[in-house]
N, C-alpha and C. Protein backbone atom coordinates (compact mmCIF):
# COMPACT_ATOMS: atom_id res chain seq x y z
N MET A 1 139.54 126.08 99.05
CA MET A 1 138.63 125.32 98.20
C MET A 1 137.29 125.15 98.89
N LEU A 2 136.23 125.57 98.23
CA LEU A 2 134.88 125.44 98.76
C LEU A 2 134.27 124.12 98.32
N VAL A 3 133.67 123.40 99.26
CA VAL A 3 133.00 122.13 98.97
C VAL A 3 131.56 122.22 99.47
N LEU A 4 130.62 121.88 98.60
CA LEU A 4 129.21 121.86 98.96
C LEU A 4 128.85 120.44 99.39
N ALA A 5 128.41 120.30 100.64
CA ALA A 5 128.09 118.99 101.19
C ALA A 5 126.63 118.65 100.91
N SER A 6 126.24 118.70 99.63
CA SER A 6 124.84 118.48 99.26
C SER A 6 124.78 118.04 97.81
N SER A 7 123.84 117.15 97.50
CA SER A 7 123.63 116.72 96.12
C SER A 7 122.50 117.50 95.45
N SER A 8 121.93 118.47 96.15
CA SER A 8 120.78 119.22 95.64
C SER A 8 121.15 120.02 94.39
N PRO A 9 120.48 119.77 93.26
CA PRO A 9 120.77 120.57 92.07
C PRO A 9 120.39 122.04 92.26
N ARG A 10 119.36 122.33 93.07
CA ARG A 10 119.00 123.73 93.33
C ARG A 10 120.13 124.45 94.04
N ARG A 11 120.72 123.81 95.04
CA ARG A 11 121.81 124.47 95.77
C ARG A 11 123.03 124.68 94.86
N ARG A 12 123.30 123.72 94.00
CA ARG A 12 124.41 123.90 93.05
C ARG A 12 124.15 125.09 92.14
N GLU A 13 122.93 125.18 91.62
CA GLU A 13 122.59 126.28 90.73
C GLU A 13 122.72 127.64 91.43
N LEU A 14 122.23 127.71 92.67
CA LEU A 14 122.25 128.98 93.38
C LEU A 14 123.67 129.40 93.75
N LEU A 15 124.49 128.46 94.16
CA LEU A 15 125.87 128.78 94.51
C LEU A 15 126.66 129.22 93.27
N THR A 16 126.37 128.58 92.15
CA THR A 16 126.99 128.99 90.89
C THR A 16 126.51 130.38 90.49
N GLN A 17 125.21 130.64 90.66
CA GLN A 17 124.63 131.95 90.35
C GLN A 17 125.32 133.05 91.14
N ALA A 18 125.70 132.74 92.38
CA ALA A 18 126.35 133.73 93.24
C ALA A 18 127.82 133.93 92.89
N GLY A 19 128.34 133.13 91.95
CA GLY A 19 129.70 133.35 91.47
C GLY A 19 130.78 132.51 92.11
N TYR A 20 130.40 131.49 92.87
CA TYR A 20 131.40 130.67 93.56
C TYR A 20 131.86 129.51 92.68
N ARG A 21 133.13 129.18 92.83
CA ARG A 21 133.67 127.93 92.28
C ARG A 21 133.74 126.94 93.42
N PHE A 22 133.27 125.72 93.20
CA PHE A 22 133.20 124.77 94.29
C PHE A 22 133.14 123.34 93.75
N GLU A 23 133.40 122.40 94.64
CA GLU A 23 133.23 120.98 94.36
C GLU A 23 132.00 120.49 95.12
N VAL A 24 131.43 119.40 94.67
CA VAL A 24 130.26 118.80 95.33
C VAL A 24 130.66 117.46 95.93
N HIS A 25 130.38 117.32 97.20
CA HIS A 25 130.66 116.05 97.90
C HIS A 25 129.54 115.83 98.92
N PRO A 26 128.47 115.13 98.52
CA PRO A 26 127.32 114.99 99.42
C PRO A 26 127.67 114.25 100.71
N ALA A 27 127.02 114.68 101.77
CA ALA A 27 127.15 113.98 103.05
C ALA A 27 126.12 112.85 103.10
N HIS A 28 126.49 111.78 103.77
CA HIS A 28 125.58 110.65 103.92
C HIS A 28 125.39 110.40 105.42
N ILE A 29 124.37 111.04 105.96
CA ILE A 29 124.08 110.92 107.39
C ILE A 29 122.58 110.69 107.56
N PRO A 30 122.15 110.14 108.70
CA PRO A 30 120.71 110.00 108.95
C PRO A 30 120.06 111.38 109.04
N GLU A 31 118.87 111.51 108.44
CA GLU A 31 118.22 112.82 108.40
C GLU A 31 116.88 112.84 109.13
N ASP A 32 116.61 111.84 109.94
CA ASP A 32 115.34 111.81 110.67
C ASP A 32 115.36 112.81 111.82
N PRO A 33 114.26 113.52 112.03
CA PRO A 33 114.18 114.43 113.18
C PRO A 33 114.19 113.64 114.48
N LEU A 34 114.71 114.24 115.53
CA LEU A 34 114.65 113.65 116.85
C LEU A 34 113.24 113.86 117.41
N PRO A 35 112.82 113.07 118.38
CA PRO A 35 111.46 113.23 118.94
C PRO A 35 111.21 114.67 119.42
N ASP A 36 110.12 115.27 118.94
CA ASP A 36 109.71 116.63 119.33
C ASP A 36 110.76 117.69 119.02
N GLU A 37 111.61 117.44 118.04
CA GLU A 37 112.67 118.40 117.70
C GLU A 37 112.07 119.63 116.99
N ASP A 38 112.46 120.81 117.45
CA ASP A 38 112.02 122.05 116.84
C ASP A 38 112.56 122.13 115.41
N PRO A 39 111.76 122.62 114.45
CA PRO A 39 112.23 122.66 113.05
C PRO A 39 113.53 123.43 112.86
N LEU A 40 113.69 124.57 113.55
CA LEU A 40 114.92 125.34 113.40
C LEU A 40 116.11 124.58 113.97
N VAL A 41 115.93 123.96 115.10
CA VAL A 41 117.00 123.14 115.70
C VAL A 41 117.35 121.98 114.77
N TYR A 42 116.32 121.39 114.18
CA TYR A 42 116.51 120.24 113.29
C TYR A 42 117.38 120.60 112.08
N VAL A 43 117.04 121.69 111.38
CA VAL A 43 117.80 122.01 110.16
C VAL A 43 119.21 122.50 110.47
N THR A 44 119.39 123.23 111.57
CA THR A 44 120.75 123.66 111.90
C THR A 44 121.61 122.48 112.36
N ARG A 45 121.00 121.54 113.06
CA ARG A 45 121.74 120.34 113.47
C ARG A 45 122.19 119.54 112.24
N LEU A 46 121.26 119.34 111.30
CA LEU A 46 121.61 118.56 110.11
C LEU A 46 122.65 119.28 109.25
N ALA A 47 122.51 120.59 109.09
CA ALA A 47 123.48 121.34 108.30
C ALA A 47 124.88 121.19 108.89
N ARG A 48 124.96 121.30 110.21
CA ARG A 48 126.25 121.17 110.88
C ARG A 48 126.80 119.75 110.75
N GLU A 49 125.94 118.75 110.97
CA GLU A 49 126.40 117.37 110.89
C GLU A 49 126.88 117.02 109.48
N LYS A 50 126.18 117.52 108.46
CA LYS A 50 126.60 117.27 107.07
C LYS A 50 127.95 117.90 106.79
N ALA A 51 128.10 119.17 107.15
CA ALA A 51 129.35 119.88 106.87
C ALA A 51 130.51 119.27 107.65
N GLU A 52 130.28 118.92 108.90
CA GLU A 52 131.35 118.34 109.71
C GLU A 52 131.76 116.97 109.19
N ALA A 53 130.79 116.16 108.75
CA ALA A 53 131.10 114.83 108.23
C ALA A 53 131.97 114.92 106.98
N VAL A 54 131.62 115.83 106.08
CA VAL A 54 132.39 115.99 104.85
C VAL A 54 133.76 116.60 105.13
N PHE A 55 133.82 117.55 106.07
CA PHE A 55 135.12 118.14 106.41
C PHE A 55 136.06 117.08 106.98
N ARG A 56 135.54 116.23 107.88
CA ARG A 56 136.38 115.16 108.45
C ARG A 56 136.88 114.22 107.36
N GLU A 57 135.99 113.89 106.44
CA GLU A 57 136.35 112.96 105.37
C GLU A 57 137.41 113.54 104.45
N LEU A 58 137.22 114.80 104.05
CA LEU A 58 138.10 115.39 103.05
C LEU A 58 139.39 115.97 103.61
N SER A 59 139.40 116.34 104.87
CA SER A 59 140.61 116.94 105.42
C SER A 59 141.75 115.92 105.44
N GLY A 60 141.42 114.65 105.43
CA GLY A 60 142.47 113.62 105.38
C GLY A 60 142.58 112.94 104.04
N GLN A 61 141.72 113.34 103.07
CA GLN A 61 141.72 112.67 101.76
C GLN A 61 141.27 113.67 100.73
N THR A 62 142.22 114.16 99.92
CA THR A 62 141.91 115.23 98.98
C THR A 62 141.99 114.76 97.52
N SER A 63 142.08 113.46 97.29
CA SER A 63 142.26 112.98 95.92
C SER A 63 141.04 113.26 95.04
N PHE A 64 139.86 113.42 95.67
CA PHE A 64 138.65 113.65 94.87
C PHE A 64 138.61 115.06 94.29
N LEU A 65 139.35 116.00 94.90
CA LEU A 65 139.28 117.39 94.49
C LEU A 65 139.96 117.60 93.15
N LYS A 66 139.29 118.34 92.26
CA LYS A 66 139.87 118.65 90.96
C LYS A 66 141.06 119.59 91.10
N VAL A 67 140.97 120.48 92.09
CA VAL A 67 142.06 121.41 92.37
C VAL A 67 142.65 121.04 93.72
N PRO A 68 143.90 120.55 93.78
CA PRO A 68 144.47 120.12 95.06
C PRO A 68 144.52 121.24 96.07
N LEU A 69 144.34 120.88 97.31
CA LEU A 69 144.45 121.87 98.38
C LEU A 69 145.90 122.30 98.54
N ASP A 70 146.11 123.55 98.88
CA ASP A 70 147.44 124.03 99.21
C ASP A 70 147.31 125.07 100.32
N GLY A 71 148.41 125.66 100.69
CA GLY A 71 148.39 126.62 101.78
C GLY A 71 147.52 127.84 101.50
N GLN A 72 147.32 128.13 100.21
CA GLN A 72 146.52 129.29 99.84
C GLN A 72 145.04 128.96 99.70
N SER A 73 144.69 127.68 99.70
CA SER A 73 143.30 127.26 99.48
C SER A 73 142.83 126.33 100.59
N PRO A 74 142.54 126.88 101.76
CA PRO A 74 142.08 126.05 102.86
C PRO A 74 140.72 125.43 102.54
N LEU A 75 140.46 124.29 103.15
CA LEU A 75 139.21 123.58 102.93
C LEU A 75 138.07 124.29 103.65
N VAL A 76 137.01 124.62 102.91
CA VAL A 76 135.81 125.23 103.45
C VAL A 76 134.63 124.38 103.01
N VAL A 77 133.87 123.85 103.96
CA VAL A 77 132.74 122.99 103.63
C VAL A 77 131.45 123.68 104.02
N LEU A 78 130.52 123.74 103.06
CA LEU A 78 129.21 124.35 103.26
C LEU A 78 128.15 123.26 103.34
N GLY A 79 127.44 123.21 104.45
CA GLY A 79 126.34 122.27 104.61
C GLY A 79 125.04 123.03 104.74
N ALA A 80 123.95 122.44 104.25
CA ALA A 80 122.64 123.09 104.35
C ALA A 80 121.55 122.04 104.44
N ASP A 81 120.47 122.40 105.10
CA ASP A 81 119.30 121.54 105.15
C ASP A 81 118.06 122.41 105.23
N THR A 82 117.04 122.04 104.46
CA THR A 82 115.81 122.82 104.39
C THR A 82 114.62 121.97 104.78
N THR A 83 113.72 122.56 105.55
CA THR A 83 112.47 121.86 105.86
C THR A 83 111.31 122.84 105.79
N VAL A 84 110.12 122.28 105.72
CA VAL A 84 108.89 123.06 105.77
C VAL A 84 108.24 122.80 107.12
N ALA A 85 107.81 123.87 107.78
CA ALA A 85 107.18 123.75 109.09
C ALA A 85 105.79 124.36 109.06
N LEU A 86 104.81 123.60 109.51
CA LEU A 86 103.44 124.07 109.63
C LEU A 86 103.00 123.87 111.07
N ASP A 87 102.70 124.98 111.75
CA ASP A 87 102.37 124.91 113.19
C ASP A 87 103.47 124.20 113.97
N ASN A 88 104.71 124.49 113.58
CA ASN A 88 105.91 123.94 114.23
C ASN A 88 106.07 122.43 114.03
N THR A 89 105.30 121.86 113.10
CA THR A 89 105.45 120.46 112.73
C THR A 89 106.30 120.37 111.48
N ILE A 90 107.30 119.50 111.49
CA ILE A 90 108.20 119.34 110.35
C ILE A 90 107.52 118.53 109.25
N LEU A 91 107.49 119.10 108.04
CA LEU A 91 106.99 118.40 106.87
C LEU A 91 108.16 118.20 105.91
N GLY A 92 108.70 117.00 105.90
CA GLY A 92 109.87 116.73 105.08
C GLY A 92 109.50 116.34 103.66
N LYS A 93 110.38 115.59 103.02
CA LYS A 93 110.12 115.12 101.66
C LYS A 93 109.08 114.00 101.71
N PRO A 94 108.17 113.97 100.74
CA PRO A 94 107.13 112.93 100.76
C PRO A 94 107.72 111.54 100.51
N GLU A 95 107.12 110.55 101.16
CA GLU A 95 107.58 109.18 101.00
C GLU A 95 107.06 108.55 99.71
N ASN A 96 105.90 109.02 99.25
CA ASN A 96 105.30 108.49 98.02
C ASN A 96 104.26 109.51 97.54
N GLU A 97 103.53 109.16 96.48
CA GLU A 97 102.57 110.10 95.92
C GLU A 97 101.43 110.42 96.89
N ALA A 98 100.97 109.41 97.61
CA ALA A 98 99.88 109.65 98.57
C ALA A 98 100.34 110.59 99.67
N ASP A 99 101.58 110.44 100.11
CA ASP A 99 102.12 111.32 101.14
C ASP A 99 102.28 112.74 100.61
N ALA A 100 102.70 112.87 99.34
CA ALA A 100 102.82 114.20 98.73
C ALA A 100 101.46 114.90 98.71
N ALA A 101 100.41 114.16 98.34
CA ALA A 101 99.06 114.74 98.32
C ALA A 101 98.62 115.14 99.72
N ARG A 102 98.95 114.33 100.70
CA ARG A 102 98.61 114.64 102.10
C ARG A 102 99.27 115.95 102.54
N ILE A 103 100.55 116.10 102.23
CA ILE A 103 101.28 117.31 102.62
C ILE A 103 100.69 118.54 101.94
N LEU A 104 100.40 118.43 100.66
CA LEU A 104 99.84 119.56 99.92
C LEU A 104 98.47 119.95 100.45
N ARG A 105 97.67 118.98 100.87
CA ARG A 105 96.37 119.30 101.48
C ARG A 105 96.56 120.07 102.79
N LEU A 106 97.60 119.72 103.54
CA LEU A 106 97.89 120.44 104.79
C LEU A 106 98.28 121.90 104.51
N LEU A 107 99.04 122.13 103.43
CA LEU A 107 99.52 123.48 103.11
C LEU A 107 98.44 124.34 102.46
N SER A 108 97.46 123.71 101.85
CA SER A 108 96.42 124.41 101.09
C SER A 108 95.72 125.49 101.92
N GLY A 109 95.72 126.72 101.38
CA GLY A 109 95.01 127.82 102.01
C GLY A 109 95.65 128.36 103.28
N ARG A 110 96.89 127.99 103.54
CA ARG A 110 97.54 128.40 104.79
C ARG A 110 98.92 129.00 104.52
N THR A 111 99.49 129.57 105.57
CA THR A 111 100.86 130.09 105.51
C THR A 111 101.75 129.16 106.32
N HIS A 112 102.86 128.76 105.72
CA HIS A 112 103.83 127.90 106.41
C HIS A 112 105.20 128.57 106.38
N ARG A 113 106.13 127.99 107.10
CA ARG A 113 107.51 128.50 107.11
C ARG A 113 108.44 127.53 106.40
N VAL A 114 109.34 128.08 105.61
CA VAL A 114 110.44 127.30 105.05
C VAL A 114 111.70 127.73 105.80
N ILE A 115 112.36 126.77 106.41
CA ILE A 115 113.54 127.07 107.24
C ILE A 115 114.75 126.32 106.69
N THR A 116 115.83 127.06 106.47
CA THR A 116 117.08 126.44 106.01
C THR A 116 118.16 126.70 107.05
N GLY A 117 118.80 125.63 107.48
CA GLY A 117 119.97 125.73 108.33
C GLY A 117 121.21 125.70 107.45
N VAL A 118 122.19 126.51 107.79
CA VAL A 118 123.43 126.61 107.03
C VAL A 118 124.61 126.48 107.98
N ALA A 119 125.62 125.71 107.59
CA ALA A 119 126.82 125.57 108.40
C ALA A 119 128.06 125.69 107.51
N VAL A 120 129.04 126.44 107.98
CA VAL A 120 130.33 126.56 107.29
C VAL A 120 131.40 126.02 108.24
N VAL A 121 132.12 125.00 107.78
CA VAL A 121 133.15 124.37 108.59
C VAL A 121 134.52 124.60 107.96
N THR A 122 135.45 125.09 108.75
CA THR A 122 136.85 125.25 108.34
C THR A 122 137.73 124.70 109.44
N ALA A 123 139.02 124.74 109.23
CA ALA A 123 139.95 124.28 110.26
C ALA A 123 139.87 125.16 111.50
N GLN A 124 139.34 126.37 111.34
CA GLN A 124 139.24 127.30 112.47
C GLN A 124 137.98 127.08 113.31
N GLY A 125 137.00 126.34 112.78
CA GLY A 125 135.80 126.11 113.56
C GLY A 125 134.55 126.01 112.71
N VAL A 126 133.41 126.18 113.35
CA VAL A 126 132.11 126.01 112.70
C VAL A 126 131.26 127.26 112.93
N GLU A 127 130.61 127.73 111.86
CA GLU A 127 129.64 128.82 111.97
C GLU A 127 128.29 128.28 111.49
N VAL A 128 127.27 128.48 112.30
CA VAL A 128 125.94 127.95 111.98
C VAL A 128 124.93 129.09 112.03
N ALA A 129 124.00 129.09 111.07
CA ALA A 129 122.95 130.11 111.04
C ALA A 129 121.71 129.50 110.39
N ALA A 130 120.63 130.25 110.40
CA ALA A 130 119.39 129.78 109.78
C ALA A 130 118.61 130.95 109.21
N GLU A 131 117.78 130.64 108.22
CA GLU A 131 116.90 131.62 107.58
C GLU A 131 115.50 131.03 107.52
N ALA A 132 114.49 131.87 107.79
CA ALA A 132 113.10 131.42 107.71
C ALA A 132 112.31 132.35 106.78
N THR A 133 111.48 131.76 105.95
CA THR A 133 110.63 132.51 105.03
C THR A 133 109.20 132.03 105.19
N ALA A 134 108.26 132.97 105.29
CA ALA A 134 106.84 132.62 105.35
C ALA A 134 106.29 132.53 103.94
N VAL A 135 105.58 131.45 103.64
CA VAL A 135 105.04 131.21 102.30
C VAL A 135 103.54 130.99 102.40
N ARG A 136 102.79 131.77 101.62
CA ARG A 136 101.33 131.66 101.60
C ARG A 136 100.88 130.81 100.42
N PHE A 137 100.02 129.85 100.67
CA PHE A 137 99.45 129.00 99.62
C PHE A 137 97.99 129.36 99.39
N LEU A 138 97.57 129.36 98.14
CA LEU A 138 96.15 129.45 97.83
C LEU A 138 95.47 128.13 98.20
N THR A 139 94.16 128.14 98.22
CA THR A 139 93.42 126.91 98.47
C THR A 139 93.46 126.04 97.21
N LEU A 140 93.85 124.78 97.38
CA LEU A 140 94.01 123.87 96.25
C LEU A 140 92.86 122.87 96.21
N SER A 141 92.41 122.56 95.01
CA SER A 141 91.41 121.51 94.86
C SER A 141 92.09 120.15 94.81
N ASP A 142 91.32 119.11 95.06
CA ASP A 142 91.88 117.76 94.97
C ASP A 142 92.40 117.47 93.57
N ALA A 143 91.72 118.00 92.56
CA ALA A 143 92.15 117.79 91.18
C ALA A 143 93.49 118.48 90.91
N GLU A 144 93.66 119.69 91.44
CA GLU A 144 94.93 120.40 91.26
C GLU A 144 96.07 119.65 91.94
N ILE A 145 95.81 119.16 93.14
CA ILE A 145 96.83 118.41 93.87
C ILE A 145 97.20 117.14 93.12
N ALA A 146 96.20 116.41 92.65
CA ALA A 146 96.46 115.16 91.93
C ALA A 146 97.26 115.41 90.66
N ALA A 147 96.91 116.47 89.92
CA ALA A 147 97.62 116.78 88.68
C ALA A 147 99.07 117.16 88.97
N TYR A 148 99.28 117.91 90.04
CA TYR A 148 100.64 118.32 90.39
C TYR A 148 101.48 117.13 90.83
N VAL A 149 100.91 116.29 91.67
CA VAL A 149 101.64 115.11 92.12
C VAL A 149 102.01 114.22 90.93
N ALA A 150 101.13 114.13 89.94
CA ALA A 150 101.38 113.30 88.76
C ALA A 150 102.58 113.78 87.95
N THR A 151 102.96 115.06 88.09
CA THR A 151 104.14 115.56 87.36
C THR A 151 105.44 115.01 87.94
N GLY A 152 105.39 114.53 89.18
CA GLY A 152 106.61 114.04 89.83
C GLY A 152 107.42 115.12 90.52
N GLU A 153 107.07 116.39 90.28
CA GLU A 153 107.86 117.49 90.84
C GLU A 153 107.93 117.49 92.37
N PRO A 154 106.87 117.10 93.08
CA PRO A 154 106.92 117.19 94.54
C PRO A 154 107.81 116.14 95.22
N MET A 155 108.24 115.11 94.50
CA MET A 155 108.72 113.91 95.17
C MET A 155 110.04 114.05 95.92
N ASP A 156 110.91 114.96 95.53
CA ASP A 156 112.19 115.08 96.27
C ASP A 156 112.31 116.45 96.94
N LYS A 157 111.15 117.06 97.21
CA LYS A 157 111.14 118.42 97.78
C LYS A 157 110.54 118.43 99.18
N ALA A 158 111.20 119.12 100.09
CA ALA A 158 110.61 119.34 101.41
C ALA A 158 109.30 120.10 101.23
N GLY A 159 108.24 119.61 101.88
CA GLY A 159 106.94 120.24 101.72
C GLY A 159 106.22 119.86 100.45
N ALA A 160 106.82 118.99 99.64
CA ALA A 160 106.19 118.44 98.43
C ALA A 160 105.90 119.49 97.36
N TYR A 161 106.73 120.55 97.28
CA TYR A 161 106.53 121.50 96.19
C TYR A 161 107.83 122.23 95.90
N ALA A 162 107.90 122.82 94.69
CA ALA A 162 109.04 123.65 94.29
C ALA A 162 108.52 125.03 93.92
N ILE A 163 108.95 126.06 94.62
CA ILE A 163 108.48 127.41 94.34
C ILE A 163 108.91 127.88 92.96
N GLN A 164 110.03 127.35 92.47
CA GLN A 164 110.52 127.74 91.15
C GLN A 164 109.91 126.89 90.04
N GLY A 165 109.00 125.98 90.41
CA GLY A 165 108.36 125.10 89.43
C GLY A 165 106.88 125.43 89.27
N ARG A 166 106.09 124.40 89.02
CA ARG A 166 104.67 124.60 88.73
C ARG A 166 103.88 125.12 89.93
N ALA A 167 104.39 124.87 91.12
CA ALA A 167 103.67 125.32 92.32
C ALA A 167 103.67 126.84 92.46
N ALA A 168 104.48 127.54 91.68
CA ALA A 168 104.54 129.00 91.76
C ALA A 168 103.16 129.63 91.57
N ARG A 169 102.30 128.98 90.81
CA ARG A 169 100.96 129.55 90.52
C ARG A 169 100.09 129.63 91.77
N TRP A 170 100.46 128.91 92.82
CA TRP A 170 99.64 128.86 94.04
C TRP A 170 100.22 129.70 95.18
N ILE A 171 101.28 130.47 94.90
CA ILE A 171 101.97 131.20 95.96
C ILE A 171 101.86 132.70 95.69
N PRO A 172 100.84 133.35 96.25
CA PRO A 172 100.64 134.77 95.97
C PRO A 172 101.63 135.68 96.67
N ARG A 173 102.22 135.20 97.78
CA ARG A 173 103.17 136.06 98.47
C ARG A 173 104.08 135.24 99.38
N ILE A 174 105.25 135.80 99.60
CA ILE A 174 106.17 135.27 100.61
C ILE A 174 106.67 136.44 101.43
N GLU A 175 107.15 136.15 102.62
CA GLU A 175 107.80 137.15 103.46
C GLU A 175 109.16 136.61 103.83
N GLY A 176 110.19 137.20 103.22
CA GLY A 176 111.55 136.72 103.47
C GLY A 176 112.27 136.40 102.18
N CYS A 177 113.31 135.61 102.29
CA CYS A 177 114.21 135.32 101.17
C CYS A 177 113.62 134.27 100.24
N TYR A 178 113.46 134.63 98.96
CA TYR A 178 112.96 133.70 97.95
C TYR A 178 113.91 132.52 97.77
N PHE A 179 115.22 132.81 97.73
CA PHE A 179 116.20 131.75 97.49
C PHE A 179 116.22 130.73 98.63
N ASN A 180 115.86 131.19 99.83
CA ASN A 180 115.74 130.27 100.96
C ASN A 180 114.70 129.20 100.67
N VAL A 181 113.60 129.57 100.04
CA VAL A 181 112.55 128.61 99.72
C VAL A 181 113.04 127.60 98.69
N MET A 182 113.97 128.01 97.84
CA MET A 182 114.58 127.09 96.88
C MET A 182 115.59 126.16 97.54
N GLY A 183 116.09 126.54 98.73
CA GLY A 183 117.00 125.65 99.44
C GLY A 183 118.31 126.23 99.88
N LEU A 184 118.58 127.52 99.52
CA LEU A 184 119.85 128.12 99.94
C LEU A 184 119.69 129.63 100.03
N PRO A 185 119.64 130.19 101.25
CA PRO A 185 119.51 131.65 101.40
C PRO A 185 120.81 132.34 101.00
N LEU A 186 120.85 132.86 99.78
CA LEU A 186 122.11 133.31 99.21
C LEU A 186 122.77 134.44 99.99
N ALA A 187 122.01 135.45 100.39
CA ALA A 187 122.63 136.58 101.09
C ALA A 187 123.28 136.11 102.39
N LEU A 188 122.59 135.24 103.12
CA LEU A 188 123.15 134.71 104.36
C LEU A 188 124.40 133.88 104.09
N VAL A 189 124.33 133.00 103.10
CA VAL A 189 125.47 132.14 102.78
C VAL A 189 126.67 132.97 102.35
N CYS A 190 126.43 133.95 101.48
CA CYS A 190 127.54 134.78 101.00
C CYS A 190 128.21 135.54 102.14
N SER A 191 127.42 136.04 103.08
CA SER A 191 128.01 136.77 104.21
C SER A 191 128.85 135.84 105.07
N MET A 192 128.43 134.59 105.19
CA MET A 192 129.20 133.62 105.97
C MET A 192 130.48 133.22 105.24
N LEU A 193 130.41 133.07 103.92
CA LEU A 193 131.59 132.65 103.15
C LEU A 193 132.59 133.78 102.97
N ASP A 194 132.12 135.03 103.00
CA ASP A 194 133.03 136.17 102.81
C ASP A 194 134.17 136.16 103.82
N SER A 195 133.88 135.72 105.03
CA SER A 195 134.92 135.72 106.06
C SER A 195 135.95 134.62 105.86
N CYS A 196 135.67 133.70 104.91
CA CYS A 196 136.61 132.60 104.66
C CYS A 196 137.68 132.97 103.64
N HIS A 197 137.53 134.14 102.98
CA HIS A 197 138.51 134.64 102.02
C HIS A 197 138.82 133.60 100.95
N LEU A 198 137.76 133.13 100.30
CA LEU A 198 137.93 132.15 99.22
C LEU A 198 138.59 132.79 98.01
N PRO A 199 139.42 132.03 97.27
CA PRO A 199 140.05 132.58 96.04
C PRO A 199 139.00 132.82 94.97
N ASP A 200 139.24 133.81 94.11
CA ASP A 200 138.31 134.10 92.99
C ASP A 200 138.41 133.02 91.94
């Protein structure tokens, strides 16, 4: 049984798109970066901590699962965390509208990295990996930023934007996995889950 340790609707959509059947059980852990923590280290640490927390919780309590665990369906927990990094500085989710505008001004006219850490936890152990995508932004006017922030779209997104939303008009190119920018690098995740021999 595959469990997604995330409440992100984007990750649910992408995992469903890839053909997986799974349950959702979000992890509740502190998500603040450690002092001077590298963005890649940060997202892989959080992905692992989320997956491990949910695995510990569910391995002893399976009543929440719609399909009970049995010998043929071992527990597999997928954790993920995505951040935006500009000059190796972590730009997380905005705290409010003013913070969203600040982040978008930083990204304007520049190339940043979107990094997703992924962790798969089973009874056999933990596998951790990461994917990075370079994203180029056009130069944004203050009016464009204000109008975008007013839509509410930036408020729960790392880097204060959604590539699959209205911000797409400002992204002329990316280098790397598009789905990673949405929050889940599908090719990487699928290769990690393939070794778990999940039931169809």
